[in-house]
Amino acid sequence: MPPLLPVPQVLKVQMLGTNEGQNWANVFHVKYTGGPPTAAECAALADDFLGNYATSIMPHVGEAWVLQECKVTDLTSDTSNAGESASSTAGSLTGPTFSAQVACCVSWPIARRYRGGHPRTYFPPGLETDLLDTSHWKPLYLTNITAAALAFQVGVDVTAEGSVTACKLGAVSYVLAGARRDPPVFFPFTGGPSVHSRIDTQRRRLGKETS
């Protein structure tokens, strides 16, 4: 598979963590104004984004999930700078939890209509007590996650470090009608998040079969 094409003035933001030894990740894309960021500025941005996620999202996550690191990579070229920040924050919720593949799915609006769903983030889940039934989350949990995801979005959008004077959370489209975009297109999120009431899954979070 050929490498992905550069995306000018866009950062890839990776939130990395573990759940009882299994790795998990949330990946975001952020358009920046100013720059290009130095390696030190990328590290400072990673620290900002990591703290934002820890404050906004982790209070609504089961304690088995641990946020450990944020990596920020400038996608402008294959030689642009990158940086990272490491600090562990466990989920705040205590009680019966889920197997590793369970996720809470959030959709983000963009100014484009097409077949298929809008950009999504599969956040780590809450607890079994947040279930309404075997397939859906309770309304209170949905309200809390909506507010948490919005707080994370707002926090990203007010982030600035050094030569990076503004940030905007969004998504990158690399493919159109089966063909690679050249260059890829960044779509900023045009409104707040929408949380799916149905429980979702990320099977890769279970890890590889070992027996």
N, C-alpha and C. Protein backbone atom coordinates (compact mmCIF):
# COMPACT_ATOMS: atom_id res chain seq x y z
N MET A 1 0.84 -1.19 0.00
CA MET A 1 0.00 0.00 0.00
C MET A 1 0.88 1.25 0.00
N PRO A 2 0.65 2.20 -0.91
CA PRO A 2 1.48 3.41 -0.95
C PRO A 2 1.24 4.26 0.29
N PRO A 3 2.24 5.07 0.67
CA PRO A 3 2.07 5.93 1.85
C PRO A 3 1.02 6.99 1.61
N LEU A 4 0.40 7.45 2.70
CA LEU A 4 -0.58 8.52 2.59
C LEU A 4 0.09 9.81 2.15
N LEU A 5 -0.63 10.60 1.37
CA LEU A 5 -0.09 11.86 0.88
C LEU A 5 -0.06 12.91 1.99
N PRO A 6 0.82 13.90 1.89
CA PRO A 6 0.88 14.96 2.90
C PRO A 6 -0.44 15.75 2.96
N VAL A 7 -0.71 16.32 4.13
CA VAL A 7 -1.89 17.16 4.35
C VAL A 7 -1.39 18.48 4.94
N PRO A 8 -1.33 19.54 4.14
CA PRO A 8 -0.73 20.79 4.61
C PRO A 8 -1.43 21.37 5.84
N GLN A 9 -0.62 21.79 6.81
CA GLN A 9 -1.07 22.46 8.03
C GLN A 9 -2.12 21.65 8.80
N VAL A 10 -1.92 20.35 8.85
CA VAL A 10 -2.79 19.46 9.63
C VAL A 10 -1.93 18.59 10.54
N LEU A 11 -2.37 18.45 11.78
CA LEU A 11 -1.73 17.60 12.76
C LEU A 11 -2.50 16.31 12.94
N LYS A 12 -1.79 15.19 13.01
CA LYS A 12 -2.40 13.94 13.47
C LYS A 12 -2.16 13.84 14.96
N VAL A 13 -3.24 13.68 15.73
CA VAL A 13 -3.17 13.64 17.18
C VAL A 13 -3.59 12.24 17.64
N GLN A 14 -2.67 11.50 18.22
CA GLN A 14 -2.94 10.13 18.67
C GLN A 14 -3.00 10.08 20.19
N MET A 15 -4.14 9.67 20.71
CA MET A 15 -4.28 9.39 22.14
C MET A 15 -4.08 7.89 22.33
N LEU A 16 -3.11 7.52 23.15
CA LEU A 16 -2.71 6.13 23.30
C LEU A 16 -2.85 5.68 24.74
N GLY A 17 -3.32 4.45 24.93
CA GLY A 17 -3.47 3.94 26.28
C GLY A 17 -3.55 2.43 26.30
N THR A 18 -3.84 1.88 27.47
CA THR A 18 -3.97 0.44 27.64
C THR A 18 -5.21 0.10 28.45
N ASN A 19 -5.67 -1.12 28.27
CA ASN A 19 -6.77 -1.68 29.05
C ASN A 19 -6.38 -3.09 29.42
N GLU A 20 -5.89 -3.27 30.65
CA GLU A 20 -5.44 -4.57 31.14
C GLU A 20 -4.46 -5.21 30.16
N GLY A 21 -3.48 -4.43 29.71
CA GLY A 21 -2.43 -4.95 28.85
C GLY A 21 -2.67 -4.81 27.36
N GLN A 22 -3.91 -4.55 26.95
CA GLN A 22 -4.21 -4.37 25.54
C GLN A 22 -4.16 -2.89 25.18
N ASN A 23 -3.57 -2.59 24.02
CA ASN A 23 -3.45 -1.21 23.58
C ASN A 23 -4.75 -0.70 22.98
N TRP A 24 -5.01 0.58 23.17
CA TRP A 24 -6.13 1.23 22.49
C TRP A 24 -5.68 2.63 22.06
N ALA A 25 -6.41 3.20 21.11
CA ALA A 25 -6.04 4.52 20.60
C ALA A 25 -7.28 5.25 20.09
N ASN A 26 -7.26 6.56 20.22
CA ASN A 26 -8.17 7.46 19.51
C ASN A 26 -7.30 8.38 18.67
N VAL A 27 -7.65 8.54 17.39
CA VAL A 27 -6.87 9.38 16.48
C VAL A 27 -7.74 10.54 16.01
N PHE A 28 -7.20 11.75 16.10
CA PHE A 28 -7.90 12.96 15.68
C PHE A 28 -7.04 13.71 14.67
N HIS A 29 -7.66 14.62 13.93
CA HIS A 29 -6.93 15.51 13.04
C HIS A 29 -7.28 16.95 13.36
N VAL A 30 -6.27 17.79 13.35
CA VAL A 30 -6.41 19.19 13.77
C VAL A 30 -5.75 20.09 12.73
N LYS A 31 -6.51 21.00 12.16
CA LYS A 31 -5.97 22.02 11.26
C LYS A 31 -5.38 23.14 12.10
N TYR A 32 -4.18 23.61 11.73
CA TYR A 32 -3.58 24.70 12.48
C TYR A 32 -3.34 25.92 11.60
N THR A 33 -3.31 27.06 12.25
CA THR A 33 -2.97 28.34 11.62
C THR A 33 -1.61 28.78 12.16
N GLY A 34 -0.78 29.35 11.28
CA GLY A 34 0.56 29.74 11.69
C GLY A 34 1.53 28.62 11.42
N GLY A 35 2.55 28.52 12.27
CA GLY A 35 3.51 27.44 12.14
C GLY A 35 4.45 27.63 10.95
N PRO A 36 5.12 26.55 10.53
CA PRO A 36 4.98 25.19 11.02
C PRO A 36 5.55 25.02 12.43
N PRO A 37 4.97 24.10 13.22
CA PRO A 37 5.44 23.93 14.59
C PRO A 37 6.81 23.26 14.65
N THR A 38 7.60 23.69 15.58
CA THR A 38 8.86 23.02 15.87
C THR A 38 8.57 21.72 16.61
N ALA A 39 9.60 20.90 16.80
CA ALA A 39 9.43 19.67 17.57
C ALA A 39 8.99 19.99 19.00
N ALA A 40 9.56 21.05 19.57
CA ALA A 40 9.18 21.45 20.93
C ALA A 40 7.74 21.91 20.98
N GLU A 41 7.30 22.63 19.96
CA GLU A 41 5.90 23.08 19.92
C GLU A 41 4.95 21.91 19.72
N CYS A 42 5.36 20.91 18.93
CA CYS A 42 4.54 19.70 18.79
C CYS A 42 4.39 18.99 20.14
N ALA A 43 5.47 18.94 20.90
CA ALA A 43 5.41 18.32 22.23
C ALA A 43 4.51 19.12 23.16
N ALA A 44 4.58 20.46 23.08
CA ALA A 44 3.72 21.30 23.91
C ALA A 44 2.25 21.11 23.53
N LEU A 45 1.97 21.02 22.23
CA LEU A 45 0.61 20.76 21.77
C LEU A 45 0.13 19.39 22.27
N ALA A 46 1.01 18.39 22.20
CA ALA A 46 0.65 17.06 22.69
C ALA A 46 0.30 17.12 24.17
N ASP A 47 1.03 17.89 24.94
CA ASP A 47 0.75 18.03 26.36
C ASP A 47 -0.62 18.69 26.57
N ASP A 48 -0.93 19.70 25.76
CA ASP A 48 -2.23 20.36 25.86
C ASP A 48 -3.37 19.40 25.52
N PHE A 49 -3.23 18.69 24.42
CA PHE A 49 -4.29 17.77 23.99
C PHE A 49 -4.47 16.62 24.98
N LEU A 50 -3.35 16.11 25.51
CA LEU A 50 -3.42 15.02 26.48
C LEU A 50 -4.15 15.47 27.74
N GLY A 51 -3.82 16.66 28.23
CA GLY A 51 -4.51 17.17 29.40
C GLY A 51 -5.97 17.42 29.16
N ASN A 52 -6.31 17.88 27.96
CA ASN A 52 -7.70 18.12 27.60
C ASN A 52 -8.49 16.81 27.61
N TYR A 53 -7.93 15.77 26.98
CA TYR A 53 -8.61 14.47 26.93
C TYR A 53 -8.77 13.90 28.34
N ALA A 54 -7.70 14.00 29.14
CA ALA A 54 -7.75 13.48 30.50
C ALA A 54 -8.83 14.16 31.32
N THR A 55 -8.97 15.47 31.15
CA THR A 55 -9.95 16.23 31.92
C THR A 55 -11.37 16.06 31.40
N SER A 56 -11.52 15.98 30.08
CA SER A 56 -12.85 15.95 29.47
C SER A 56 -13.45 14.55 29.41
N ILE A 57 -12.64 13.58 28.97
CA ILE A 57 -13.16 12.25 28.66
C ILE A 57 -12.98 11.23 29.78
N MET A 58 -11.81 11.19 30.40
CA MET A 58 -11.51 10.11 31.33
C MET A 58 -12.40 10.05 32.57
N PRO A 59 -13.02 11.16 33.04
CA PRO A 59 -13.95 11.04 34.16
C PRO A 59 -15.18 10.18 33.85
N HIS A 60 -15.42 9.88 32.56
CA HIS A 60 -16.61 9.12 32.15
C HIS A 60 -16.24 7.73 31.64
N VAL A 61 -15.05 7.26 32.01
CA VAL A 61 -14.51 6.00 31.52
C VAL A 61 -14.24 5.07 32.70
N GLY A 62 -14.41 3.77 32.49
CA GLY A 62 -14.12 2.79 33.53
C GLY A 62 -12.66 2.78 33.91
N GLU A 63 -12.37 2.42 35.16
CA GLU A 63 -11.02 2.54 35.72
C GLU A 63 -10.01 1.60 35.07
N ALA A 64 -10.44 0.57 34.35
CA ALA A 64 -9.50 -0.34 33.69
C ALA A 64 -8.81 0.33 32.51
N TRP A 65 -9.41 1.39 31.99
CA TRP A 65 -8.84 2.10 30.84
C TRP A 65 -7.88 3.17 31.34
N VAL A 66 -6.66 3.17 30.79
CA VAL A 66 -5.64 4.13 31.21
C VAL A 66 -5.13 4.88 29.99
N LEU A 67 -5.25 6.20 30.02
CA LEU A 67 -4.67 7.08 29.01
C LEU A 67 -3.21 7.31 29.39
N GLN A 68 -2.29 7.08 28.44
CA GLN A 68 -0.87 7.13 28.79
C GLN A 68 -0.06 8.15 28.00
N GLU A 69 -0.46 8.47 26.78
CA GLU A 69 0.43 9.26 25.93
C GLU A 69 -0.35 9.94 24.81
N CYS A 70 0.16 11.06 24.36
CA CYS A 70 -0.34 11.73 23.16
C CYS A 70 0.83 11.99 22.23
N LYS A 71 0.65 11.63 20.96
CA LYS A 71 1.65 11.92 19.93
C LYS A 71 1.05 12.89 18.92
N VAL A 72 1.79 13.91 18.58
CA VAL A 72 1.37 14.91 17.60
C VAL A 72 2.36 14.90 16.43
N THR A 73 1.85 14.71 15.21
CA THR A 73 2.67 14.66 14.01
C THR A 73 2.16 15.67 13.01
N ASP A 74 3.03 16.55 12.54
CA ASP A 74 2.67 17.50 11.49
C ASP A 74 2.67 16.76 10.16
N LEU A 75 1.52 16.71 9.49
CA LEU A 75 1.37 15.95 8.25
C LEU A 75 1.71 16.77 7.01
N THR A 76 2.24 17.98 7.18
CA THR A 76 2.52 18.84 6.04
C THR A 76 3.47 18.18 5.05
N SER A 77 4.45 17.46 5.55
CA SER A 77 5.37 16.71 4.68
C SER A 77 5.90 15.53 5.46
N ASP A 78 6.64 14.65 4.77
CA ASP A 78 7.17 13.47 5.47
C ASP A 78 8.41 13.80 6.29
N THR A 79 8.82 15.08 6.29
CA THR A 79 9.93 15.49 7.14
C THR A 79 9.51 16.53 8.17
N SER A 80 8.20 16.81 8.28
CA SER A 80 7.72 17.78 9.26
C SER A 80 7.91 17.23 10.67
N ASN A 81 7.81 18.12 11.64
CA ASN A 81 8.16 17.76 13.01
C ASN A 81 7.06 16.96 13.71
N ALA A 82 7.44 16.34 14.80
CA ALA A 82 6.52 15.58 15.66
C ALA A 82 6.96 15.76 17.10
N GLY A 83 6.05 15.48 18.02
CA GLY A 83 6.37 15.55 19.44
C GLY A 83 5.38 14.72 20.23
N GLU A 84 5.68 14.47 21.48
CA GLU A 84 4.80 13.64 22.30
C GLU A 84 4.84 14.08 23.75
N SER A 85 3.82 13.65 24.48
CA SER A 85 3.72 13.91 25.90
C SER A 85 3.18 12.66 26.58
N ALA A 86 3.76 12.28 27.71
CA ALA A 86 3.36 11.07 28.42
C ALA A 86 2.97 11.39 29.85
N SER A 87 1.78 10.93 30.23
CA SER A 87 1.29 11.08 31.60
C SER A 87 0.09 10.17 31.75
N SER A 88 0.06 9.32 32.76
CA SER A 88 -1.00 8.32 32.91
C SER A 88 -2.20 8.88 33.66
N THR A 89 -3.38 8.65 33.09
CA THR A 89 -4.64 9.00 33.74
C THR A 89 -5.61 7.83 33.56
N ALA A 90 -6.01 7.23 34.68
CA ALA A 90 -6.97 6.13 34.61
C ALA A 90 -8.39 6.67 34.59
N GLY A 91 -9.32 5.89 34.01
CA GLY A 91 -10.71 6.25 34.06
C GLY A 91 -11.18 6.39 35.50
N SER A 92 -12.16 7.26 35.70
CA SER A 92 -12.59 7.58 37.07
C SER A 92 -13.70 6.68 37.60
N LEU A 93 -14.37 5.93 36.73
CA LEU A 93 -15.54 5.16 37.14
C LEU A 93 -15.14 3.81 37.71
N THR A 94 -15.68 3.47 38.86
CA THR A 94 -15.42 2.18 39.48
C THR A 94 -16.67 1.34 39.47
N GLY A 95 -16.50 0.06 39.20
CA GLY A 95 -17.64 -0.84 39.14
C GLY A 95 -17.49 -1.83 38.02
N PRO A 96 -18.53 -2.64 37.75
CA PRO A 96 -18.45 -3.66 36.71
C PRO A 96 -18.25 -3.03 35.34
N THR A 97 -17.24 -3.53 34.62
CA THR A 97 -16.89 -2.94 33.34
C THR A 97 -17.14 -3.93 32.21
N PHE A 98 -16.66 -3.59 31.01
CA PHE A 98 -16.92 -4.38 29.80
C PHE A 98 -15.65 -5.04 29.30
N SER A 99 -15.82 -5.97 28.34
CA SER A 99 -14.67 -6.49 27.62
C SER A 99 -14.11 -5.40 26.71
N ALA A 100 -12.88 -5.58 26.24
CA ALA A 100 -12.10 -4.50 25.65
C ALA A 100 -12.69 -3.93 24.36
N GLN A 101 -13.53 -4.69 23.66
CA GLN A 101 -14.01 -4.20 22.36
C GLN A 101 -15.18 -3.23 22.46
N VAL A 102 -15.81 -3.11 23.62
CA VAL A 102 -16.98 -2.23 23.76
C VAL A 102 -16.54 -0.77 23.69
N ALA A 103 -17.33 0.05 22.97
CA ALA A 103 -16.99 1.46 22.80
C ALA A 103 -18.25 2.31 22.78
N CYS A 104 -18.06 3.57 23.08
CA CYS A 104 -19.12 4.57 22.92
C CYS A 104 -18.79 5.39 21.68
N CYS A 105 -19.69 5.39 20.71
CA CYS A 105 -19.42 6.00 19.41
C CYS A 105 -19.99 7.41 19.33
N VAL A 106 -19.16 8.35 18.88
CA VAL A 106 -19.55 9.74 18.70
C VAL A 106 -19.37 10.12 17.24
N SER A 107 -20.38 10.73 16.64
CA SER A 107 -20.29 11.25 15.27
C SER A 107 -20.07 12.75 15.31
N TRP A 108 -19.30 13.25 14.33
CA TRP A 108 -18.98 14.67 14.23
C TRP A 108 -19.51 15.23 12.91
N PRO A 109 -20.18 16.38 12.91
CA PRO A 109 -20.74 16.93 11.67
C PRO A 109 -19.70 17.66 10.83
N ILE A 110 -19.77 17.47 9.51
CA ILE A 110 -18.95 18.24 8.58
C ILE A 110 -19.84 18.76 7.47
N ALA A 111 -19.35 19.76 6.73
CA ALA A 111 -20.15 20.41 5.68
C ALA A 111 -20.02 19.65 4.37
N ARG A 112 -20.39 18.38 4.38
CA ARG A 112 -20.37 17.58 3.16
C ARG A 112 -21.36 16.44 3.30
N ARG A 113 -22.13 16.20 2.23
CA ARG A 113 -23.10 15.11 2.21
C ARG A 113 -22.57 13.99 1.32
N TYR A 114 -22.70 12.76 1.80
CA TYR A 114 -22.23 11.61 1.03
C TYR A 114 -22.83 10.35 1.63
N ARG A 115 -22.77 9.27 0.88
CA ARG A 115 -23.24 8.00 1.42
C ARG A 115 -22.29 7.52 2.51
N GLY A 116 -22.87 7.00 3.57
CA GLY A 116 -22.06 6.54 4.69
C GLY A 116 -22.14 7.51 5.85
N GLY A 117 -21.51 7.12 6.96
CA GLY A 117 -21.58 7.91 8.17
C GLY A 117 -20.59 9.06 8.18
N HIS A 118 -20.81 9.98 9.07
CA HIS A 118 -19.87 11.09 9.26
C HIS A 118 -18.67 10.61 10.08
N PRO A 119 -17.63 11.45 10.20
CA PRO A 119 -16.47 11.06 11.01
C PRO A 119 -16.89 10.62 12.41
N ARG A 120 -16.21 9.61 12.93
CA ARG A 120 -16.57 9.03 14.22
C ARG A 120 -15.36 8.87 15.12
N THR A 121 -15.63 8.89 16.41
CA THR A 121 -14.64 8.54 17.42
C THR A 121 -15.24 7.47 18.31
N TYR A 122 -14.47 6.41 18.54
CA TYR A 122 -14.92 5.32 19.41
C TYR A 122 -14.23 5.45 20.76
N PHE A 123 -14.89 6.18 21.66
CA PHE A 123 -14.32 6.43 22.98
C PHE A 123 -14.40 5.17 23.85
N PRO A 124 -13.48 5.03 24.82
CA PRO A 124 -13.62 3.96 25.81
C PRO A 124 -14.96 4.11 26.54
N PRO A 125 -15.54 2.99 26.99
CA PRO A 125 -16.89 3.03 27.56
C PRO A 125 -16.91 3.33 29.05
N GLY A 126 -18.15 3.48 29.54
CA GLY A 126 -18.39 3.61 30.97
C GLY A 126 -18.49 2.25 31.62
N LEU A 127 -19.54 2.04 32.42
CA LEU A 127 -19.71 0.81 33.18
C LEU A 127 -20.99 0.09 32.77
N GLU A 128 -21.12 -1.15 33.23
CA GLU A 128 -22.35 -1.91 32.97
C GLU A 128 -23.57 -1.20 33.55
N THR A 129 -23.38 -0.45 34.61
CA THR A 129 -24.50 0.27 35.21
C THR A 129 -24.99 1.43 34.33
N ASP A 130 -24.23 1.76 33.28
CA ASP A 130 -24.65 2.80 32.34
C ASP A 130 -25.53 2.26 31.22
N LEU A 131 -25.82 0.94 31.27
CA LEU A 131 -26.64 0.32 30.23
C LEU A 131 -28.13 0.51 30.53
N LEU A 132 -28.88 0.86 29.48
CA LEU A 132 -30.33 0.89 29.57
C LEU A 132 -30.89 -0.50 29.34
N ASP A 133 -30.32 -1.21 28.36
CA ASP A 133 -30.66 -2.60 28.06
C ASP A 133 -29.42 -3.24 27.46
N THR A 134 -29.57 -4.38 26.81
CA THR A 134 -28.40 -5.08 26.29
C THR A 134 -27.77 -4.41 25.08
N SER A 135 -28.40 -3.38 24.53
CA SER A 135 -27.89 -2.76 23.30
C SER A 135 -27.71 -1.25 23.38
N HIS A 136 -28.21 -0.61 24.45
CA HIS A 136 -28.25 0.86 24.46
C HIS A 136 -27.75 1.43 25.79
N TRP A 137 -27.24 2.66 25.68
CA TRP A 137 -26.81 3.41 26.86
C TRP A 137 -27.98 4.15 27.50
N LYS A 138 -27.88 4.39 28.80
CA LYS A 138 -28.88 5.18 29.50
C LYS A 138 -28.84 6.64 29.04
N PRO A 139 -29.98 7.32 29.06
CA PRO A 139 -30.00 8.74 28.66
C PRO A 139 -29.01 9.61 29.43
N LEU A 140 -28.86 9.38 30.74
CA LEU A 140 -27.94 10.20 31.53
C LEU A 140 -26.50 10.02 31.06
N TYR A 141 -26.12 8.78 30.76
CA TYR A 141 -24.77 8.53 30.24
C TYR A 141 -24.57 9.24 28.91
N LEU A 142 -25.56 9.20 28.04
CA LEU A 142 -25.46 9.89 26.74
C LEU A 142 -25.30 11.40 26.93
N THR A 143 -26.04 11.94 27.87
CA THR A 143 -25.92 13.37 28.16
C THR A 143 -24.51 13.71 28.64
N ASN A 144 -23.97 12.88 29.52
CA ASN A 144 -22.64 13.14 30.06
C ASN A 144 -21.56 13.03 28.99
N ILE A 145 -21.66 12.03 28.12
CA ILE A 145 -20.65 11.85 27.08
C ILE A 145 -20.76 12.95 26.03
N THR A 146 -21.96 13.37 25.73
CA THR A 146 -22.12 14.49 24.79
C THR A 146 -21.42 15.73 25.31
N ALA A 147 -21.62 16.03 26.59
CA ALA A 147 -20.97 17.19 27.20
C ALA A 147 -19.46 17.01 27.24
N ALA A 148 -18.99 15.80 27.51
CA ALA A 148 -17.56 15.54 27.58
C ALA A 148 -16.89 15.69 26.21
N ALA A 149 -17.51 15.13 25.18
CA ALA A 149 -16.95 15.24 23.83
C ALA A 149 -16.95 16.68 23.36
N LEU A 150 -18.01 17.43 23.69
CA LEU A 150 -18.06 18.84 23.33
C LEU A 150 -16.97 19.63 24.05
N ALA A 151 -16.74 19.32 25.33
CA ALA A 151 -15.68 19.99 26.07
C ALA A 151 -14.31 19.72 25.44
N PHE A 152 -14.09 18.48 25.00
CA PHE A 152 -12.83 18.15 24.33
C PHE A 152 -12.70 18.94 23.04
N GLN A 153 -13.77 19.01 22.25
CA GLN A 153 -13.75 19.75 20.99
C GLN A 153 -13.45 21.23 21.23
N VAL A 154 -14.14 21.82 22.18
CA VAL A 154 -13.92 23.24 22.49
C VAL A 154 -12.49 23.46 22.97
N GLY A 155 -11.98 22.53 23.78
CA GLY A 155 -10.62 22.65 24.27
C GLY A 155 -9.59 22.61 23.16
N VAL A 156 -9.79 21.72 22.19
CA VAL A 156 -8.88 21.66 21.04
C VAL A 156 -8.92 22.97 20.27
N ASP A 157 -10.13 23.49 20.06
CA ASP A 157 -10.30 24.66 19.20
C ASP A 157 -9.75 25.95 19.81
N VAL A 158 -9.42 25.96 21.09
CA VAL A 158 -8.82 27.15 21.70
C VAL A 158 -7.33 26.94 21.99
N THR A 159 -6.77 25.84 21.50
CA THR A 159 -5.36 25.53 21.75
C THR A 159 -4.45 26.35 20.84
N ALA A 160 -3.38 26.85 21.40
CA ALA A 160 -2.34 27.56 20.64
C ALA A 160 -1.02 27.39 21.37
N GLU A 161 0.05 27.21 20.62
CA GLU A 161 1.39 27.07 21.21
C GLU A 161 2.41 27.68 20.26
N GLY A 162 3.15 28.67 20.72
CA GLY A 162 4.24 29.23 19.94
C GLY A 162 3.78 29.76 18.59
N SER A 163 4.35 29.23 17.53
CA SER A 163 4.01 29.69 16.18
C SER A 163 2.64 29.21 15.71
N VAL A 164 2.07 28.21 16.40
CA VAL A 164 0.72 27.73 16.08
C VAL A 164 -0.27 28.63 16.81
N THR A 165 -0.96 29.47 16.06
CA THR A 165 -1.81 30.50 16.66
C THR A 165 -3.26 30.07 16.82
N ALA A 166 -3.69 29.01 16.15
CA ALA A 166 -5.07 28.54 16.27
C ALA A 166 -5.16 27.09 15.83
N CYS A 167 -6.14 26.36 16.37
CA CYS A 167 -6.38 24.97 16.01
C CYS A 167 -7.87 24.76 15.73
N LYS A 168 -8.16 23.75 14.92
CA LYS A 168 -9.56 23.40 14.61
C LYS A 168 -9.66 21.90 14.44
N LEU A 169 -10.51 21.27 15.26
CA LEU A 169 -10.72 19.83 15.19
C LEU A 169 -11.53 19.48 13.94
N GLY A 170 -11.14 18.41 13.26
CA GLY A 170 -11.86 18.01 12.05
C GLY A 170 -11.44 16.63 11.59
N ALA A 171 -11.64 16.36 10.30
CA ALA A 171 -11.33 15.05 9.74
C ALA A 171 -10.66 15.23 8.39
N VAL A 172 -9.85 14.26 8.00
CA VAL A 172 -9.16 14.28 6.72
C VAL A 172 -9.75 13.22 5.81
N SER A 173 -10.06 13.62 4.56
CA SER A 173 -10.52 12.68 3.54
C SER A 173 -9.37 12.40 2.58
N TYR A 174 -8.96 11.14 2.51
CA TYR A 174 -7.88 10.73 1.63
C TYR A 174 -8.38 10.12 0.32
N VAL A 175 -9.66 9.74 0.27
CA VAL A 175 -10.19 9.01 -0.89
C VAL A 175 -11.52 9.61 -1.30
N LEU A 176 -11.76 9.72 -2.62
CA LEU A 176 -13.03 10.16 -3.17
C LEU A 176 -13.40 9.25 -4.32
N ALA A 177 -14.58 8.62 -4.23
CA ALA A 177 -15.08 7.72 -5.28
C ALA A 177 -14.05 6.65 -5.62
N GLY A 178 -13.39 6.11 -4.61
CA GLY A 178 -12.45 5.03 -4.81
C GLY A 178 -11.07 5.45 -5.26
N ALA A 179 -10.86 6.74 -5.49
CA ALA A 179 -9.55 7.24 -5.93
C ALA A 179 -8.92 8.10 -4.84
N ARG A 180 -7.61 8.11 -4.78
CA ARG A 180 -6.91 8.90 -3.78
C ARG A 180 -7.02 10.38 -4.12
N ARG A 181 -7.35 11.19 -3.11
CA ARG A 181 -7.34 12.64 -3.29
C ARG A 181 -5.90 13.14 -3.31
N ASP A 182 -5.60 14.08 -4.19
CA ASP A 182 -4.28 14.67 -4.26
C ASP A 182 -4.41 16.18 -4.47
N PRO A 183 -4.35 16.98 -3.39
CA PRO A 183 -4.00 16.57 -2.03
C PRO A 183 -5.24 16.11 -1.27
N PRO A 184 -5.06 15.45 -0.12
CA PRO A 184 -6.19 15.13 0.76
C PRO A 184 -6.88 16.42 1.22
N VAL A 185 -8.13 16.28 1.66
CA VAL A 185 -8.94 17.44 2.04
C VAL A 185 -9.29 17.36 3.52
N PHE A 186 -9.08 18.47 4.22
CA PHE A 186 -9.47 18.58 5.63
C PHE A 186 -10.86 19.18 5.72
N PHE A 187 -11.73 18.55 6.52
CA PHE A 187 -13.08 19.05 6.77
C PHE A 187 -13.20 19.41 8.25
N PRO A 188 -13.34 20.68 8.59
CA PRO A 188 -13.52 21.05 9.99
C PRO A 188 -14.89 20.59 10.49
N PHE A 189 -14.96 20.26 11.76
CA PHE A 189 -16.26 19.93 12.35
C PHE A 189 -17.08 21.21 12.45
N THR A 190 -18.30 21.15 11.98
CA THR A 190 -19.14 22.34 11.87
C THR A 190 -20.09 22.52 13.04
N GLY A 191 -20.09 21.60 13.97
CA GLY A 191 -20.97 21.69 15.13
C GLY A 191 -20.51 20.73 16.19
N GLY A 192 -21.36 20.55 17.20
CA GLY A 192 -21.01 19.68 18.31
C GLY A 192 -21.24 18.21 18.00
N PRO A 193 -20.77 17.31 18.86
CA PRO A 193 -20.84 15.87 18.65
C PRO A 193 -22.25 15.32 18.85
N SER A 194 -22.49 14.17 18.24
CA SER A 194 -23.73 13.42 18.42
C SER A 194 -23.37 12.02 18.89
N VAL A 195 -23.83 11.63 20.07
CA VAL A 195 -23.47 10.34 20.65
C VAL A 195 -24.50 9.28 20.26
N HIS A 196 -24.02 8.14 19.79
CA HIS A 196 -24.90 7.04 19.41
C HIS A 196 -25.50 6.39 20.67
N SER A 197 -26.79 6.19 20.65
CA SER A 197 -27.41 5.55 21.81
C SER A 197 -27.10 4.06 21.87
N ARG A 198 -26.78 3.46 20.71
CA ARG A 198 -26.46 2.04 20.67
C ARG A 198 -25.01 1.79 21.07
N ILE A 199 -24.77 0.71 21.77
CA ILE A 199 -23.40 0.30 22.10
C ILE A 199 -22.68 -0.09 20.81
N ASP A 200 -21.43 0.35 20.67
CA ASP A 200 -20.62 -0.01 19.51
C ASP A 200 -19.43 -0.86 19.94
N THR A 201 -18.71 -1.39 18.94
CA THR A 201 -17.57 -2.25 19.24
C THR A 201 -16.37 -1.89 18.37
N GLN A 202 -15.20 -2.18 18.90
CA GLN A 202 -13.93 -2.09 18.19
C GLN A 202 -13.19 -3.40 18.43
N ARG A 203 -13.37 -4.36 17.52
CA ARG A 203 -12.85 -5.70 17.76
C ARG A 203 -11.33 -5.73 17.89
N ARG A 204 -10.63 -4.80 17.23
CA ARG A 204 -9.17 -4.80 17.29
C ARG A 204 -8.67 -4.58 18.72
N ARG A 205 -9.49 -3.96 19.58
CA ARG A 205 -9.06 -3.71 20.94
C ARG A 205 -8.94 -5.00 21.77
N LEU A 206 -9.44 -6.12 21.24
CA LEU A 206 -9.29 -7.38 21.93
C LEU A 206 -7.88 -7.94 21.77
N GLY A 207 -7.13 -7.43 20.79
CA GLY A 207 -5.79 -7.94 20.53
C GLY A 207 -5.83 -9.21 19.70
N LYS A 208 -4.64 -9.76 19.39
CA LYS A 208 -4.54 -10.95 18.56
C LYS A 208 -4.83 -12.20 19.38
N GLU A 209 -5.37 -13.22 18.69
CA GLU A 209 -5.61 -14.51 19.33
C GLU A 209 -4.28 -15.14 19.73
N THR A 210 -4.21 -15.63 20.96
CA THR A 210 -2.93 -16.18 21.46
C THR A 210 -2.97 -17.67 21.72
N SER A 211 -4.10 -18.31 21.46
CA SER A 211 -4.16 -19.75 21.72
C SER A 211 -4.81 -20.48 20.55
